[in-house]
N, C-alpha and C. Protein backbone atom coordinates (compact mmCIF):
# COMPACT_ATOMS: atom_id res chain seq x y z
N MET A 1 -24.30 -62.56 -25.58
CA MET A 1 -22.96 -62.48 -26.13
C MET A 1 -22.00 -63.04 -25.09
N THR A 2 -21.15 -63.96 -25.50
CA THR A 2 -20.20 -64.54 -24.59
C THR A 2 -19.07 -63.57 -24.31
N LEU A 3 -18.33 -63.83 -23.27
CA LEU A 3 -17.19 -62.99 -22.90
C LEU A 3 -16.16 -62.96 -24.03
N ARG A 4 -15.95 -64.11 -24.66
CA ARG A 4 -14.99 -64.19 -25.76
C ARG A 4 -15.41 -63.30 -26.92
N ARG A 5 -16.67 -63.35 -27.27
CA ARG A 5 -17.17 -62.51 -28.37
C ARG A 5 -17.12 -61.04 -27.99
N TRP A 6 -17.45 -60.74 -26.75
CA TRP A 6 -17.41 -59.36 -26.30
C TRP A 6 -15.98 -58.82 -26.37
N ALA A 7 -15.02 -59.63 -25.94
CA ALA A 7 -13.61 -59.20 -25.97
C ALA A 7 -13.16 -58.96 -27.41
N ARG A 8 -13.55 -59.83 -28.32
CA ARG A 8 -13.19 -59.65 -29.73
C ARG A 8 -13.83 -58.38 -30.29
N ALA A 9 -15.07 -58.13 -29.90
CA ALA A 9 -15.74 -56.92 -30.37
C ALA A 9 -15.01 -55.68 -29.86
N CYS A 10 -14.52 -55.73 -28.63
CA CYS A 10 -13.77 -54.60 -28.09
C CYS A 10 -12.46 -54.38 -28.84
N VAL A 11 -11.77 -55.47 -29.16
CA VAL A 11 -10.53 -55.37 -29.93
C VAL A 11 -10.81 -54.76 -31.29
N LEU A 12 -11.85 -55.23 -31.95
CA LEU A 12 -12.19 -54.69 -33.26
C LEU A 12 -12.60 -53.23 -33.18
N GLY A 13 -13.30 -52.88 -32.14
CA GLY A 13 -13.66 -51.49 -31.94
C GLY A 13 -12.43 -50.61 -31.79
N ALA A 14 -11.45 -51.11 -31.06
CA ALA A 14 -10.20 -50.36 -30.90
C ALA A 14 -9.48 -50.23 -32.23
N LEU A 15 -9.47 -51.31 -33.02
CA LEU A 15 -8.86 -51.23 -34.35
C LEU A 15 -9.58 -50.22 -35.22
N ALA A 16 -10.89 -50.24 -35.17
CA ALA A 16 -11.68 -49.31 -35.98
C ALA A 16 -11.40 -47.88 -35.55
N PHE A 17 -11.29 -47.67 -34.26
CA PHE A 17 -11.04 -46.32 -33.75
C PHE A 17 -9.69 -45.80 -34.20
N SER A 18 -8.70 -46.70 -34.30
CA SER A 18 -7.35 -46.28 -34.65
C SER A 18 -7.06 -46.33 -36.14
N ALA A 19 -8.07 -46.63 -36.95
CA ALA A 19 -7.85 -46.75 -38.41
C ALA A 19 -7.42 -45.43 -39.01
N CYS A 20 -6.55 -45.52 -39.99
CA CYS A 20 -6.14 -44.29 -40.66
C CYS A 20 -7.19 -43.88 -41.67
N VAL A 21 -7.24 -42.60 -41.98
CA VAL A 21 -8.26 -42.11 -42.90
C VAL A 21 -7.66 -41.39 -44.09
N GLY A 22 -6.37 -41.38 -44.22
CA GLY A 22 -5.77 -40.59 -45.28
C GLY A 22 -5.31 -41.37 -46.48
N GLY A 23 -5.80 -42.58 -46.69
CA GLY A 23 -5.35 -43.40 -47.81
C GLY A 23 -5.76 -42.85 -49.16
N ARG A 24 -5.06 -43.28 -50.19
CA ARG A 24 -5.38 -42.85 -51.54
C ARG A 24 -6.54 -43.68 -52.08
N ALA A 25 -7.36 -43.09 -52.91
CA ALA A 25 -8.45 -43.83 -53.55
C ALA A 25 -7.87 -44.86 -54.51
N THR A 26 -6.81 -44.51 -55.20
CA THR A 26 -6.13 -45.41 -56.13
C THR A 26 -4.65 -45.29 -55.88
N PRO A 27 -3.94 -46.41 -55.75
CA PRO A 27 -2.51 -46.32 -55.52
C PRO A 27 -1.81 -45.56 -56.65
N VAL A 28 -0.73 -44.88 -56.31
CA VAL A 28 0.04 -44.15 -57.30
C VAL A 28 0.48 -45.11 -58.39
N GLY A 29 0.34 -44.70 -59.63
CA GLY A 29 0.77 -45.52 -60.75
C GLY A 29 -0.25 -46.53 -61.22
N VAL A 30 -1.41 -46.58 -60.61
CA VAL A 30 -2.46 -47.51 -61.02
C VAL A 30 -3.64 -46.70 -61.53
N ALA A 31 -4.04 -46.96 -62.74
CA ALA A 31 -5.16 -46.21 -63.32
C ALA A 31 -6.45 -46.58 -62.62
N ALA A 32 -7.30 -45.58 -62.39
CA ALA A 32 -8.61 -45.85 -61.81
C ALA A 32 -9.36 -46.81 -62.71
N GLY A 33 -10.06 -47.75 -62.12
CA GLY A 33 -10.81 -48.73 -62.89
C GLY A 33 -10.01 -49.98 -63.21
N SER A 34 -8.69 -49.94 -62.97
CA SER A 34 -7.87 -51.11 -63.28
C SER A 34 -7.45 -51.86 -62.03
N ARG A 35 -7.98 -51.46 -60.88
CA ARG A 35 -7.60 -52.11 -59.64
C ARG A 35 -8.10 -53.55 -59.63
N SER A 36 -7.31 -54.41 -59.06
CA SER A 36 -7.61 -55.83 -59.01
C SER A 36 -8.76 -56.12 -58.05
N LEU A 37 -9.56 -57.12 -58.39
CA LEU A 37 -10.60 -57.59 -57.47
C LEU A 37 -10.11 -58.83 -56.70
N ASP A 38 -8.80 -59.02 -56.67
CA ASP A 38 -8.19 -60.09 -55.90
C ASP A 38 -8.21 -59.69 -54.42
N GLY A 39 -8.85 -60.53 -53.60
CA GLY A 39 -9.01 -60.20 -52.19
C GLY A 39 -7.70 -59.95 -51.46
N ALA A 40 -6.68 -60.77 -51.75
CA ALA A 40 -5.39 -60.59 -51.08
C ALA A 40 -4.78 -59.24 -51.45
N ALA A 41 -4.89 -58.85 -52.71
CA ALA A 41 -4.34 -57.57 -53.15
C ALA A 41 -5.10 -56.41 -52.52
N ILE A 42 -6.41 -56.54 -52.42
CA ILE A 42 -7.22 -55.50 -51.79
C ILE A 42 -6.86 -55.37 -50.32
N LEU A 43 -6.71 -56.50 -49.64
CA LEU A 43 -6.33 -56.50 -48.22
C LEU A 43 -5.01 -55.78 -48.03
N GLU A 44 -4.04 -56.12 -48.84
CA GLU A 44 -2.72 -55.50 -48.72
C GLU A 44 -2.78 -54.00 -49.02
N ARG A 45 -3.49 -53.65 -50.06
CA ARG A 45 -3.55 -52.25 -50.51
C ARG A 45 -4.34 -51.36 -49.55
N THR A 46 -5.45 -51.86 -49.02
CA THR A 46 -6.34 -50.99 -48.26
C THR A 46 -6.28 -51.19 -46.75
N CYS A 47 -5.88 -52.35 -46.29
CA CYS A 47 -5.92 -52.63 -44.85
C CYS A 47 -4.54 -52.58 -44.21
N ALA A 48 -3.55 -53.16 -44.91
CA ALA A 48 -2.22 -53.27 -44.32
C ALA A 48 -1.51 -51.93 -44.20
N THR A 49 -2.02 -50.91 -44.86
CA THR A 49 -1.40 -49.59 -44.73
C THR A 49 -1.61 -49.03 -43.33
N CYS A 50 -2.66 -49.45 -42.64
CA CYS A 50 -2.96 -48.96 -41.29
C CYS A 50 -2.90 -50.04 -40.22
N HIS A 51 -3.09 -51.28 -40.61
CA HIS A 51 -3.24 -52.36 -39.63
C HIS A 51 -2.17 -53.42 -39.77
N ASP A 52 -1.76 -53.99 -38.62
CA ASP A 52 -0.96 -55.20 -38.60
C ASP A 52 -1.95 -56.34 -38.81
N LEU A 53 -1.76 -57.13 -39.84
CA LEU A 53 -2.74 -58.15 -40.20
C LEU A 53 -2.52 -59.48 -39.47
N GLY A 54 -1.56 -59.52 -38.58
CA GLY A 54 -1.24 -60.75 -37.87
C GLY A 54 -2.38 -61.31 -37.03
N GLY A 55 -3.30 -60.47 -36.60
CA GLY A 55 -4.38 -60.92 -35.74
C GLY A 55 -5.59 -61.47 -36.46
N LEU A 56 -5.57 -61.51 -37.78
CA LEU A 56 -6.73 -61.97 -38.52
C LEU A 56 -7.12 -63.41 -38.21
N THR A 57 -6.15 -64.25 -37.92
CA THR A 57 -6.45 -65.66 -37.65
C THR A 57 -7.26 -65.85 -36.38
N ALA A 58 -7.32 -64.85 -35.53
CA ALA A 58 -8.11 -64.96 -34.29
C ALA A 58 -9.60 -65.14 -34.59
N TYR A 59 -10.03 -64.83 -35.79
CA TYR A 59 -11.44 -64.89 -36.14
C TYR A 59 -11.80 -66.10 -36.99
N SER A 60 -10.87 -67.02 -37.15
CA SER A 60 -11.08 -68.16 -38.05
C SER A 60 -12.24 -69.06 -37.65
N ASP A 61 -12.55 -69.13 -36.38
CA ASP A 61 -13.67 -69.98 -35.97
C ASP A 61 -14.88 -69.16 -35.56
N TYR A 62 -14.87 -67.89 -35.91
CA TYR A 62 -15.87 -66.99 -35.38
C TYR A 62 -16.61 -66.18 -36.43
N TRP A 63 -15.90 -65.62 -37.40
CA TRP A 63 -16.52 -64.71 -38.36
C TRP A 63 -16.70 -65.34 -39.72
N GLY A 64 -17.89 -65.15 -40.28
CA GLY A 64 -18.17 -65.53 -41.65
C GLY A 64 -18.20 -64.28 -42.52
N GLU A 65 -18.64 -64.45 -43.75
CA GLU A 65 -18.66 -63.32 -44.68
C GLU A 65 -19.51 -62.14 -44.20
N PRO A 66 -20.68 -62.36 -43.58
CA PRO A 66 -21.46 -61.19 -43.12
C PRO A 66 -20.72 -60.35 -42.08
N GLU A 67 -20.01 -61.01 -41.17
CA GLU A 67 -19.28 -60.27 -40.15
C GLU A 67 -18.09 -59.51 -40.75
N TRP A 68 -17.39 -60.17 -41.67
CA TRP A 68 -16.28 -59.48 -42.34
C TRP A 68 -16.79 -58.30 -43.16
N ARG A 69 -17.91 -58.49 -43.86
CA ARG A 69 -18.48 -57.40 -44.66
C ARG A 69 -18.83 -56.21 -43.75
N SER A 70 -19.40 -56.50 -42.60
CA SER A 70 -19.74 -55.44 -41.66
C SER A 70 -18.49 -54.68 -41.22
N MET A 71 -17.41 -55.40 -40.94
CA MET A 71 -16.17 -54.74 -40.53
C MET A 71 -15.60 -53.91 -41.67
N VAL A 72 -15.63 -54.44 -42.89
CA VAL A 72 -15.13 -53.68 -44.04
C VAL A 72 -15.95 -52.40 -44.20
N GLU A 73 -17.25 -52.50 -44.07
CA GLU A 73 -18.10 -51.32 -44.18
C GLU A 73 -17.82 -50.32 -43.05
N THR A 74 -17.51 -50.82 -41.86
CA THR A 74 -17.11 -49.95 -40.76
C THR A 74 -15.84 -49.20 -41.12
N MET A 75 -14.89 -49.90 -41.72
CA MET A 75 -13.62 -49.27 -42.10
C MET A 75 -13.84 -48.22 -43.19
N ILE A 76 -14.81 -48.43 -44.04
CA ILE A 76 -15.15 -47.41 -45.04
C ILE A 76 -15.61 -46.14 -44.32
N GLY A 77 -16.34 -46.31 -43.24
CA GLY A 77 -16.76 -45.17 -42.44
C GLY A 77 -15.59 -44.40 -41.84
N TYR A 78 -14.46 -45.08 -41.67
CA TYR A 78 -13.25 -44.44 -41.14
C TYR A 78 -12.30 -43.99 -42.23
N GLY A 79 -12.71 -44.15 -43.49
CA GLY A 79 -11.90 -43.60 -44.56
C GLY A 79 -11.36 -44.59 -45.57
N ALA A 80 -11.53 -45.88 -45.36
CA ALA A 80 -11.08 -46.84 -46.37
C ALA A 80 -11.87 -46.60 -47.65
N ARG A 81 -11.20 -46.65 -48.77
CA ARG A 81 -11.84 -46.35 -50.05
C ARG A 81 -11.90 -47.60 -50.90
N LEU A 82 -13.11 -48.13 -50.99
CA LEU A 82 -13.34 -49.36 -51.74
C LEU A 82 -14.60 -49.21 -52.57
N THR A 83 -14.59 -49.83 -53.74
CA THR A 83 -15.80 -49.88 -54.55
C THR A 83 -16.70 -50.98 -53.99
N PRO A 84 -17.98 -50.99 -54.34
CA PRO A 84 -18.84 -52.10 -53.90
C PRO A 84 -18.31 -53.47 -54.34
N GLU A 85 -17.72 -53.54 -55.51
CA GLU A 85 -17.16 -54.81 -55.99
C GLU A 85 -15.97 -55.23 -55.14
N GLU A 86 -15.15 -54.25 -54.73
CA GLU A 86 -14.00 -54.56 -53.87
C GLU A 86 -14.46 -54.99 -52.48
N VAL A 87 -15.53 -54.39 -51.97
CA VAL A 87 -16.08 -54.79 -50.67
C VAL A 87 -16.48 -56.26 -50.73
N SER A 88 -17.17 -56.65 -51.79
CA SER A 88 -17.59 -58.05 -51.95
C SER A 88 -16.40 -58.98 -52.05
N ALA A 89 -15.44 -58.62 -52.89
CA ALA A 89 -14.26 -59.47 -53.08
C ALA A 89 -13.46 -59.61 -51.79
N LEU A 90 -13.26 -58.51 -51.08
CA LEU A 90 -12.51 -58.54 -49.83
C LEU A 90 -13.25 -59.33 -48.76
N SER A 91 -14.55 -59.14 -48.64
CA SER A 91 -15.34 -59.87 -47.65
C SER A 91 -15.28 -61.37 -47.90
N ARG A 92 -15.41 -61.76 -49.16
CA ARG A 92 -15.30 -63.19 -49.52
C ARG A 92 -13.92 -63.73 -49.18
N TYR A 93 -12.89 -62.99 -49.54
CA TYR A 93 -11.52 -63.41 -49.27
C TYR A 93 -11.29 -63.60 -47.77
N LEU A 94 -11.69 -62.63 -46.97
CA LEU A 94 -11.50 -62.73 -45.53
C LEU A 94 -12.26 -63.92 -44.94
N ALA A 95 -13.46 -64.18 -45.44
CA ALA A 95 -14.25 -65.31 -44.94
C ALA A 95 -13.59 -66.64 -45.26
N VAL A 96 -12.99 -66.72 -46.44
CA VAL A 96 -12.36 -67.97 -46.85
C VAL A 96 -11.00 -68.15 -46.18
N GLU A 97 -10.21 -67.10 -46.15
CA GLU A 97 -8.84 -67.21 -45.62
C GLU A 97 -8.76 -67.06 -44.11
N TYR A 98 -9.65 -66.26 -43.51
CA TYR A 98 -9.55 -65.94 -42.09
C TYR A 98 -10.88 -66.10 -41.35
N GLY A 99 -11.82 -66.80 -41.93
CA GLY A 99 -13.13 -66.89 -41.29
C GLY A 99 -13.68 -68.30 -41.28
N THR A 100 -14.96 -68.39 -41.04
CA THR A 100 -15.61 -69.68 -40.92
C THR A 100 -15.67 -70.44 -42.23
N ALA A 101 -15.53 -69.76 -43.36
CA ALA A 101 -15.54 -70.45 -44.65
C ALA A 101 -14.23 -71.17 -44.92
N ALA A 102 -13.23 -70.96 -44.03
CA ALA A 102 -11.92 -71.58 -44.22
C ALA A 102 -11.97 -73.08 -43.98
N GLY A 103 -12.94 -73.54 -43.22
CA GLY A 103 -13.05 -74.98 -42.92
C GLY A 103 -12.11 -75.37 -41.80
N PRO A 104 -12.14 -76.66 -41.43
CA PRO A 104 -11.32 -77.12 -40.30
C PRO A 104 -9.84 -77.19 -40.62
């Protein structure tokens, strides 16, 4: 593991450690089962409540969908509430918008 990758892993570990755990399963006013599978909406609804999303671009040349999926699953361990379909949609979105799938 390179120093750069190790440093990024430490930053992500710190983010994971500081994640909030008290989020709602479904936002107020939204019926269960009607939540959007739009990755941007999921990111805003489930991640931005606890995290500043400005640092996501730091992973554009480093993380693909498997790495993003792993991080999303880690956040579920800290209390993020996502369905399996939302995990897939969010992981794909992050890989395309903020990961190696974004292209040059």
